[in-house]
Amino acid sequence: MAIDWSECPLIEKVPGKVSGAWVFKGTRMPVATVFENLEDGCPSKKSWSSSP
């Protein structure tokens, strides 16, 4: 199931920023990375603390 992130004001997709991946606005944290980390059992706080 794909999510249409274009309607979410906290998510953006900018060509040339993280290869055009959907990221949290104002960051370089890909949305997909957060979901992948949660699936792997990584707490969400750890995902954010390890991001650039």
C-alpha atoms as a PDB file:
ATOM      1  CA  MET A   1       0.000   0.000   0.000  1.00  0.00           C
ATOM      2  CA  ALA A   2       1.488   3.325  -1.064  1.00  0.00           C
ATOM      3  CA  ILE A   3       0.840   6.552   0.821  1.00  0.00           C
ATOM      4  CA  ASP A   4       0.341   9.858  -0.988  1.00  0.00           C
ATOM      5  CA  TRP A   5       2.685  12.089   1.011  1.00  0.00           C
ATOM      6  CA  SER A   6       1.983  15.129  -1.196  1.00  0.00           C
ATOM      7  CA  GLU A   7      -0.985  16.090   1.024  1.00  0.00           C
ATOM      8  CA  CYS A   8       1.017  16.041   4.275  1.00  0.00           C
ATOM      9  CA  PRO A   9       2.341  19.487   5.290  1.00  0.00           C
ATOM     10  CA  LEU A  10       5.180  17.962   7.349  1.00  0.00           C
ATOM     11  CA  ILE A  11       6.661  16.019   4.421  1.00  0.00           C
ATOM     12  CA  GLU A  12       8.424  17.355   1.334  1.00  0.00           C
ATOM     13  CA  LYS A  13      10.070  16.021  -1.811  1.00  0.00           C
ATOM     14  CA  VAL A  14      12.759  18.253  -3.279  1.00  0.00           C
ATOM     15  CA  PRO A  15      14.720  17.249  -6.381  1.00  0.00           C
ATOM     16  CA  GLY A  16      18.394  16.972  -5.444  1.00  0.00           C
ATOM     17  CA  LYS A  17      17.671  16.615  -1.719  1.00  0.00           C
ATOM     18  CA  VAL A  18      18.310  13.024  -0.558  1.00  0.00           C
ATOM     19  CA  SER A  19      17.917  11.875  -4.183  1.00  0.00           C
ATOM     20  CA  GLY A  20      14.376  13.229  -4.327  1.00  0.00           C
ATOM     21  CA  ALA A  21      13.077  10.987  -1.532  1.00  0.00           C
ATOM     22  CA  TRP A  22      10.171  12.062   0.671  1.00  0.00           C
ATOM     23  CA  VAL A  23      11.719  13.667   3.779  1.00  0.00           C
ATOM     24  CA  PHE A  24      10.442  15.398   6.890  1.00  0.00           C
ATOM     25  CA  LYS A  25      10.193  19.107   6.076  1.00  0.00           C
ATOM     26  CA  GLY A  26      13.334  21.025   7.018  1.00  0.00           C
ATOM     27  CA  THR A  27      15.405  17.848   7.474  1.00  0.00           C
ATOM     28  CA  ARG A  28      17.253  15.277   5.410  1.00  0.00           C
ATOM     29  CA  MET A  29      15.514  12.402   7.243  1.00  0.00           C
ATOM     30  CA  PRO A  30      13.717  10.183   4.722  1.00  0.00           C
ATOM     31  CA  VAL A  31      10.248   9.106   5.798  1.00  0.00           C
ATOM     32  CA  ALA A  32      11.016   5.570   4.587  1.00  0.00           C
ATOM     33  CA  THR A  33      13.983   5.342   6.975  1.00  0.00           C
ATOM     34  CA  VAL A  34      11.774   5.951  10.004  1.00  0.00           C
ATOM     35  CA  PHE A  35       9.353   3.207   8.944  1.00  0.00           C
ATOM     36  CA  GLU A  36      12.215   0.803   8.167  1.00  0.00           C
ATOM     37  CA  ASN A  37      13.760   1.438  11.586  1.00  0.00           C
ATOM     38  CA  LEU A  38      10.407   0.907  13.323  1.00  0.00           C
ATOM     39  CA  GLU A  39       9.930  -2.376  11.454  1.00  0.00           C
ATOM     40  CA  ASP A  40      13.387  -3.450  12.633  1.00  0.00           C
ATOM     41  CA  GLY A  41      12.473  -2.630  16.247  1.00  0.00           C
ATOM     42  CA  CYS A  42      14.531   0.544  16.532  1.00  0.00           C
ATOM     43  CA  PRO A  43      12.882   3.163  18.767  1.00  0.00           C
ATOM     44  CA  SER A  44      11.842   6.322  16.901  1.00  0.00           C
ATOM     45  CA  LYS A  45      13.962   8.541  19.185  1.00  0.00           C
ATOM     46  CA  LYS A  46      17.066   6.638  18.092  1.00  0.00           C
ATOM     47  CA  SER A  47      16.162   7.200  14.420  1.00  0.00           C
ATOM     48  CA  TRP A  48      16.058  10.955  14.944  1.00  0.00           C
ATOM     49  CA  SER A  49      19.187  11.135  17.079  1.00  0.00           C
ATOM     50  CA  SER A  50      21.257   9.359  14.423  1.00  0.00           C
ATOM     51  CA  SER A  51      20.119  11.596  11.551  1.00  0.00           C
ATOM     52  CA  PRO A  52      22.286  14.381  10.119  1.00  0.00           C
END
